[in-house]
């Protein structure tokens, strides 16, 4: 039997920002969800409380040994006025995949989904309705045991916070320039690249700084062993449109199994297109570009949905993808996925979960 969720409503609602000021992750809703764990009681004390700071001991293991995982998904207000989530069960399953890899006890998936439902409904007035806007939802787990011994924590907090976010592309979807990273690596098979743990993102910041100095928006990561196979672009999965097929790196253990990636593959095959999940080297990428066979390249992820790539910087050379503008396939995928999310078009896969 699923444990009940105690609810305490705020007595001091916060002013909501103007749509033009929302940005990404700057403002937070009135409430948050908290669930505690200790080895004796398991996961317990599920509650929704007014949004507030938390207090941690300086010896909490999250600060020292990095036991921390997170997820990211969105709630949308459809054109018909319904409140929906997009494939939340996939995020919850991946949350527990991350938990297991980081030696954190898994959480009852039914409880997490119910917490998401209740929290979104309580703070539904925070969901913006301007085109391209949504409510970003951040579930996360941190280790809280006060002990400096190197071992899995025996105490944790699972929390969900939410933030209204503006349109990722305020002036329309625009291609970005990508720097191919040859010195640093993001992850390696057998490590933690396939899960959403905080250290993955901290380790990528140095390379991102380098990409910015090169005038690029993101990094294209190569594999950590051979330094030749394409893996991810920034924190997104990546796709290449080559002739009559679409290629995306295979999930070999170092890549995150993105929900948007999975959605894109489903759509492409539903449309009758050929999709290959395989190793794809930077040498092959450069060759197909120079041969004129690289039609499109784009990243996929929760924040941007589809992020087209206009050019690559590799060994000091800038390589233009297609004609440097958003490709027809990337545009069609973006319009389809966002259309499903906000109820503008049919949802043949039952990806929308209607809350209200």
Protein backbone atom coordinates (compact mmCIF):
# COMPACT_ATOMS: atom_id res chain seq x y z
CA UNK A 1 0.00 0.00 0.00
CA UNK A 2 1.38 3.40 -1.02
CA UNK A 3 2.12 5.72 1.89
CA UNK A 4 -0.03 8.86 2.18
CA UNK A 5 1.35 12.30 1.29
CA UNK A 6 0.91 14.96 3.98
CA UNK A 7 0.18 18.41 2.52
CA UNK A 8 0.89 21.78 4.15
CA UNK A 9 -0.16 24.76 2.04
CA UNK A 10 1.84 27.97 2.12
CA UNK A 11 0.38 30.91 4.02
CA UNK A 12 2.49 33.38 2.03
CA UNK A 13 2.23 32.78 -1.74
CA UNK A 14 5.05 34.32 -3.74
CA UNK A 15 4.45 36.83 -6.54
CA UNK A 16 4.77 35.20 -9.93
CA UNK A 17 7.21 36.70 -12.44
CA UNK A 18 6.17 38.32 -15.69
CA UNK A 19 6.35 36.04 -18.71
CA UNK A 20 9.14 38.20 -20.13
CA UNK A 21 11.27 37.73 -16.99
CA UNK A 22 10.93 33.97 -16.48
CA UNK A 23 14.19 32.73 -17.99
CA UNK A 24 15.26 29.24 -16.88
CA UNK A 25 15.45 28.09 -13.27
CA UNK A 26 15.40 31.55 -11.69
CA UNK A 27 12.03 31.43 -9.92
CA UNK A 28 10.50 28.60 -7.89
CA UNK A 29 6.92 27.72 -7.09
CA UNK A 30 5.25 27.95 -3.68
CA UNK A 31 5.62 24.28 -2.72
CA UNK A 32 8.07 21.38 -2.77
CA UNK A 33 7.95 17.64 -2.09
CA UNK A 34 10.22 15.90 0.44
CA UNK A 35 10.67 12.20 1.23
CA UNK A 36 13.20 10.96 3.82
CA UNK A 37 15.17 7.74 4.03
CA UNK A 38 17.09 6.00 6.77
CA UNK A 39 18.30 2.43 6.86
CA UNK A 40 15.95 1.46 9.69
CA UNK A 41 12.71 2.88 8.28
CA UNK A 42 13.25 2.98 4.53
CA UNK A 43 11.63 5.80 2.56
CA UNK A 44 9.13 7.59 4.78
CA UNK A 45 7.37 10.84 5.73
CA UNK A 46 6.15 11.88 2.27
CA UNK A 47 5.09 15.50 2.41
CA UNK A 48 4.39 18.60 0.36
CA UNK A 49 5.51 21.75 2.15
CA UNK A 50 5.96 25.45 1.40
CA UNK A 51 9.16 25.97 -0.63
CA UNK A 52 11.97 26.56 1.85
CA UNK A 53 15.71 26.15 2.48
CA UNK A 54 16.99 22.88 3.93
CA UNK A 55 19.62 22.48 6.65
CA UNK A 56 22.46 19.97 6.25
CA UNK A 57 25.37 19.07 8.49
CA UNK A 58 28.78 19.96 7.00
CA UNK A 59 29.66 16.26 7.19
CA UNK A 60 26.68 15.21 5.02
CA UNK A 61 28.01 12.69 2.52
CA UNK A 62 26.65 14.51 -0.50
CA UNK A 63 29.32 17.18 0.02
CA UNK A 64 32.20 14.75 0.19
CA UNK A 65 31.44 11.68 -1.93
CA UNK A 66 28.97 13.00 -4.47
CA UNK A 67 26.00 10.72 -3.85
CA UNK A 68 23.52 12.88 -5.73
CA UNK A 69 21.19 12.21 -8.66
CA UNK A 70 18.50 14.22 -10.39
CA UNK A 71 15.89 14.24 -13.13
CA UNK A 72 14.27 16.86 -15.32
CA UNK A 73 10.82 16.93 -16.89
CA UNK A 74 8.10 19.46 -17.63
CA UNK A 75 4.42 20.13 -17.09
CA UNK A 76 2.51 21.89 -19.85
CA UNK A 77 -0.73 23.78 -20.22
CA UNK A 78 -2.35 22.59 -23.44
CA UNK A 79 -4.18 24.80 -25.89
CA UNK A 80 -7.42 23.29 -24.55
CA UNK A 81 -6.46 24.29 -20.99
CA UNK A 82 -5.50 20.83 -19.72
CA UNK A 83 -2.46 20.25 -17.51
CA UNK A 84 -0.22 17.46 -18.79
CA UNK A 85 3.09 15.73 -18.20
CA UNK A 86 5.14 14.19 -21.02
CA UNK A 87 6.17 10.54 -20.46
CA UNK A 88 6.82 10.98 -16.71
CA UNK A 89 7.08 7.22 -16.16
CA UNK A 90 10.29 7.24 -18.25
CA UNK A 91 11.86 9.87 -15.98
CA UNK A 92 10.88 7.92 -12.86
CA UNK A 93 12.39 4.69 -14.20
CA UNK A 94 15.58 6.54 -15.11
CA UNK A 95 15.64 8.13 -11.64
CA UNK A 96 15.76 4.66 -10.11
CA UNK A 97 18.40 3.56 -12.64
CA UNK A 98 20.51 6.46 -11.39
CA UNK A 99 19.72 5.59 -7.77
CA UNK A 100 20.83 2.00 -8.24
CA UNK A 101 24.11 2.99 -9.94
CA UNK A 102 24.93 5.48 -7.18
CA UNK A 103 24.10 2.99 -4.38
CA UNK A 104 20.99 4.96 -3.37
CA UNK A 105 17.89 2.96 -2.39
CA UNK A 106 15.29 2.90 -5.16
CA UNK A 107 12.02 4.75 -4.58
CA UNK A 108 8.49 3.45 -5.10
CA UNK A 109 7.66 4.64 -8.63
CA UNK A 110 3.93 4.87 -7.92
CA UNK A 111 4.65 7.21 -5.00
CA UNK A 112 6.90 9.43 -7.12
CA UNK A 113 4.25 9.71 -9.83
CA UNK A 114 1.57 10.57 -7.25
CA UNK A 115 3.86 13.19 -5.71
CA UNK A 116 4.40 14.73 -9.15
CA UNK A 117 0.66 14.81 -9.80
CA UNK A 118 -0.23 16.40 -6.48
CA UNK A 119 2.59 18.94 -6.50
CA UNK A 120 1.80 20.13 -10.04
CA UNK A 121 -1.90 20.43 -9.24
CA UNK A 122 -1.21 22.43 -6.07
CA UNK A 123 1.05 24.87 -7.94
CA UNK A 124 -0.79 24.73 -11.27
CA UNK A 125 -1.21 28.51 -11.36
CA UNK A 126 2.58 28.70 -11.83
CA UNK A 127 2.37 26.95 -15.22
CA UNK A 128 2.77 29.72 -17.80
CA UNK A 129 0.62 29.69 -20.92
CA UNK A 130 2.67 31.80 -23.33
CA UNK A 131 3.90 29.89 -26.43
CA UNK A 132 6.94 27.73 -25.70
CA UNK A 133 6.72 28.11 -21.92
CA UNK A 134 6.27 25.33 -19.35
CA UNK A 135 6.84 24.33 -15.74
CA UNK A 136 10.21 22.65 -15.26
CA UNK A 137 10.21 19.90 -12.62
CA UNK A 138 13.43 18.88 -10.85
CA UNK A 139 13.33 15.69 -8.74
CA UNK A 140 16.62 14.92 -6.98
CA UNK A 141 18.19 12.81 -4.22
CA UNK A 142 21.06 13.75 -1.92
CA UNK A 143 22.96 11.74 0.71
CA UNK A 144 22.53 13.33 4.15
CA UNK A 145 24.24 10.98 6.62
CA UNK A 146 26.72 12.87 8.83
CA UNK A 147 29.76 10.61 8.44
CA UNK A 148 33.08 10.97 6.62
CA UNK A 149 33.59 7.25 6.05
CA UNK A 150 33.67 6.28 2.37
CA UNK A 151 30.57 4.10 2.10
CA UNK A 152 27.01 4.49 0.86
CA UNK A 153 25.00 6.85 3.02
CA UNK A 154 22.35 5.40 5.32
CA UNK A 155 20.25 8.58 5.11
CA UNK A 156 18.88 10.47 2.10
CA UNK A 157 16.41 13.14 1.06
CA UNK A 158 14.37 12.92 -2.11
CA UNK A 159 12.94 16.28 -3.15
CA UNK A 160 10.99 17.79 -6.03
CA UNK A 161 11.13 21.50 -6.79
CA UNK A 162 9.55 23.29 -9.74
CA UNK A 163 10.30 26.40 -11.77
CA UNK A 164 8.37 28.18 -14.54
CA UNK A 165 10.57 28.43 -17.63
CA UNK A 166 10.38 30.63 -20.68
CA UNK A 167 10.56 29.61 -24.31
CA UNK A 168 13.96 28.03 -25.06
CA UNK A 169 13.90 29.62 -28.52
CA UNK A 170 12.40 33.08 -28.03
CA UNK A 171 13.06 34.07 -31.64
CA UNK A 172 12.53 30.70 -33.30
CA UNK A 173 14.70 27.59 -33.48
CA UNK A 174 18.22 28.56 -34.49
CA UNK A 175 21.24 26.33 -35.24
CA UNK A 176 24.25 26.53 -32.94
CA UNK A 177 27.98 26.06 -33.43
CA UNK A 178 29.65 23.06 -31.72
CA UNK A 179 33.26 22.53 -30.65
CA UNK A 180 34.56 18.95 -30.92
CA UNK A 181 36.37 18.22 -27.63
CA UNK A 182 39.57 16.18 -28.04
CA UNK A 183 41.23 16.59 -24.62
CA UNK A 184 38.56 16.09 -21.95
CA UNK A 185 36.06 13.22 -21.85
CA UNK A 186 32.55 13.20 -20.46
CA UNK A 187 32.19 9.55 -19.44
CA UNK A 188 33.27 6.00 -20.13
CA UNK A 189 31.40 2.70 -20.35
CA UNK A 190 31.34 1.15 -16.89
CA UNK A 191 31.29 4.56 -15.26
CA UNK A 192 28.29 6.77 -14.58
CA UNK A 193 27.72 8.40 -17.96
CA UNK A 194 24.40 6.58 -18.42
CA UNK A 195 22.85 8.10 -15.29
CA UNK A 196 22.02 11.64 -14.16
CA UNK A 197 24.46 12.23 -11.34
CA UNK A 198 25.73 15.70 -10.47
CA UNK A 199 29.42 14.93 -11.03
CA UNK A 200 28.85 14.26 -14.73
CA UNK A 201 27.84 17.86 -15.23
CA UNK A 202 30.57 19.35 -13.06
CA UNK A 203 33.17 17.40 -15.06
CA UNK A 204 31.90 18.94 -18.30
CA UNK A 205 32.18 22.58 -17.27
CA UNK A 206 35.87 22.95 -18.14
CA UNK A 207 35.30 21.79 -21.70
CA UNK A 208 32.31 24.09 -21.99
CA UNK A 209 34.51 27.03 -21.04
CA UNK A 210 36.88 26.06 -23.84
CA UNK A 211 34.03 25.81 -26.34
CA UNK A 212 32.86 29.29 -25.40
CA UNK A 213 36.36 30.67 -26.06
CA UNK A 214 36.15 29.11 -29.53
CA UNK A 215 32.90 30.96 -30.17
CA UNK A 216 30.82 27.80 -29.85
CA UNK A 217 27.65 27.15 -27.87
CA UNK A 218 28.33 23.54 -26.89
CA UNK A 219 30.81 20.65 -26.83
CA UNK A 220 30.63 17.50 -28.95
CA UNK A 221 31.99 14.74 -26.72
CA UNK A 222 34.05 11.82 -28.00
CA UNK A 223 34.30 8.47 -26.23
CA UNK A 224 36.67 8.13 -23.29
CA UNK A 225 38.65 5.11 -24.55
CA UNK A 226 39.35 5.54 -28.26
CA UNK A 227 38.74 9.31 -28.37
CA UNK A 228 37.11 8.84 -31.78
CA UNK A 229 33.46 7.87 -31.42
CA UNK A 230 30.84 10.60 -31.08
CA UNK A 231 28.79 10.37 -27.89
CA UNK A 232 26.80 13.46 -26.84
CA UNK A 233 26.51 17.14 -27.69
CA UNK A 234 26.67 19.14 -24.48
CA UNK A 235 24.22 17.37 -22.19
CA UNK A 236 22.05 16.19 -25.08
CA UNK A 237 21.86 13.09 -27.25
CA UNK A 238 22.79 13.68 -30.88
CA UNK A 239 21.44 12.62 -34.30
CA UNK A 240 22.86 12.80 -37.84
CA UNK A 241 20.78 12.78 -41.03
CA UNK A 242 22.87 11.02 -43.66
CA UNK A 243 21.27 10.49 -47.05
CA UNK A 244 18.24 8.24 -46.55
CA UNK A 245 19.01 7.28 -42.91
CA UNK A 246 19.39 8.81 -39.47
CA UNK A 247 22.29 7.73 -37.25
CA UNK A 248 22.54 8.18 -33.48
CA UNK A 249 25.23 6.84 -31.13
CA UNK A 250 24.33 3.50 -29.57
CA UNK A 251 23.72 3.32 -25.83
CA UNK A 252 26.96 1.55 -24.96
CA UNK A 253 27.04 2.48 -21.26
CA UNK A 254 28.57 5.95 -21.46
CA UNK A 255 25.55 7.80 -22.82
CA UNK A 256 22.40 8.97 -21.10
CA UNK A 257 19.25 7.20 -22.37
CA UNK A 258 17.33 10.39 -23.08
CA UNK A 259 13.53 10.44 -23.05
CA UNK A 260 13.53 12.90 -25.96
CA UNK A 261 16.02 10.63 -27.77
CA UNK A 262 13.65 7.70 -27.34
CA UNK A 263 10.72 9.83 -28.52
CA UNK A 264 12.61 10.94 -31.63
CA UNK A 265 13.53 7.35 -32.55
CA UNK A 266 9.89 6.29 -32.09
CA UNK A 267 8.69 9.11 -34.35
CA UNK A 268 11.28 8.53 -37.06
CA UNK A 269 10.42 4.84 -37.30
CA UNK A 270 6.70 5.64 -37.13
CA UNK A 271 7.25 7.85 -40.19
CA UNK A 272 8.96 4.95 -41.97
CA UNK A 273 12.49 6.33 -41.79
CA UNK A 274 15.58 4.19 -41.22
CA UNK A 275 17.31 4.73 -37.87
CA UNK A 276 20.70 3.25 -37.01
CA UNK A 277 21.93 3.13 -33.42
CA UNK A 278 25.64 2.43 -33.76
CA UNK A 279 29.18 3.64 -33.20
CA UNK A 280 29.78 6.77 -35.28
CA UNK A 281 33.32 8.14 -35.43
CA UNK A 282 34.41 11.74 -35.77
CA UNK A 283 36.37 10.71 -38.88
CA UNK A 284 33.19 9.36 -40.49
CA UNK A 285 31.33 12.51 -39.48
CA UNK A 286 33.96 14.76 -41.06
CA UNK A 287 34.07 12.63 -44.22
CA UNK A 288 30.31 12.61 -44.82
CA UNK A 289 30.28 16.37 -44.26
CA UNK A 290 33.03 16.92 -46.82
CA UNK A 291 31.31 14.55 -49.26
CA UNK A 292 28.13 16.59 -48.97
CA UNK A 293 26.16 13.69 -47.48
CA UNK A 294 25.51 15.20 -44.05
CA UNK A 295 22.08 16.81 -44.37
CA UNK A 296 21.43 17.63 -40.72
CA UNK A 297 22.79 17.29 -37.20
CA UNK A 298 20.77 18.03 -34.08
CA UNK A 299 20.75 17.43 -30.34
CA UNK A 300 17.75 16.24 -28.34
CA UNK A 301 16.85 16.93 -24.71
CA UNK A 302 14.15 18.06 -22.31
CA UNK A 303 15.05 21.76 -22.26
CA UNK A 304 15.37 22.51 -25.98
CA UNK A 305 13.57 19.40 -27.37
CA UNK A 306 15.49 19.72 -30.66
CA UNK A 307 18.68 21.79 -30.99
CA UNK A 308 19.94 21.98 -34.60
CA UNK A 309 23.68 22.25 -35.23
CA UNK A 310 24.81 24.72 -37.90
CA UNK A 311 28.55 24.10 -37.78
CA UNK A 312 31.34 22.10 -36.12
CA UNK A 313 34.82 23.24 -35.12
CA UNK A 314 37.30 20.36 -35.43
CA UNK A 315 41.09 20.73 -35.45
CA UNK A 316 40.82 24.44 -36.13
CA UNK A 317 38.48 24.02 -39.11
CA UNK A 318 34.84 25.13 -39.12
CA UNK A 319 32.59 22.68 -40.94
CA UNK A 320 29.12 23.84 -42.00
CA UNK A 321 26.26 21.36 -41.58
CA UNK A 322 23.93 21.43 -44.60
CA UNK A 323 23.43 25.07 -45.48
CA UNK A 324 23.90 26.17 -41.86
CA UNK A 325 20.19 26.57 -41.16
CA UNK A 326 17.69 24.30 -39.40
CA UNK A 327 16.97 21.21 -41.46
CA UNK A 328 13.54 20.04 -42.57
CA UNK A 329 13.63 16.89 -40.42
CA UNK A 330 14.74 18.70 -37.25
CA UNK A 331 12.01 21.30 -37.74
CA UNK A 332 9.38 18.59 -38.27
CA UNK A 333 10.49 16.72 -35.14
CA UNK A 334 10.41 19.90 -33.07
CA UNK A 335 6.93 20.86 -34.23
CA UNK A 336 5.64 17.31 -33.71
CA UNK A 337 7.00 16.73 -30.20
CA UNK A 338 6.06 20.19 -28.93
CA UNK A 339 2.70 19.80 -30.66
CA UNK A 340 2.06 16.55 -28.80
CA UNK A 341 3.17 18.13 -25.52
CA UNK A 342 0.71 21.00 -25.72
CA UNK A 343 -2.11 19.04 -27.31
CA UNK A 344 -1.96 20.75 -30.70
CA UNK A 345 -1.62 17.49 -32.59
CA UNK A 346 -2.61 13.84 -32.11
CA UNK A 347 -0.70 11.71 -29.60
CA UNK A 348 -0.56 8.23 -31.21
CA UNK A 349 1.75 6.88 -28.47
CA UNK A 350 -0.23 8.02 -25.40
CA UNK A 351 2.76 10.05 -24.22
CA UNK A 352 0.65 12.79 -22.65
CA UNK A 353 -0.45 12.18 -19.07
CA UNK A 354 -3.40 14.46 -18.33
CA UNK A 355 -3.56 15.76 -14.76
CA UNK A 356 -6.56 18.01 -15.21
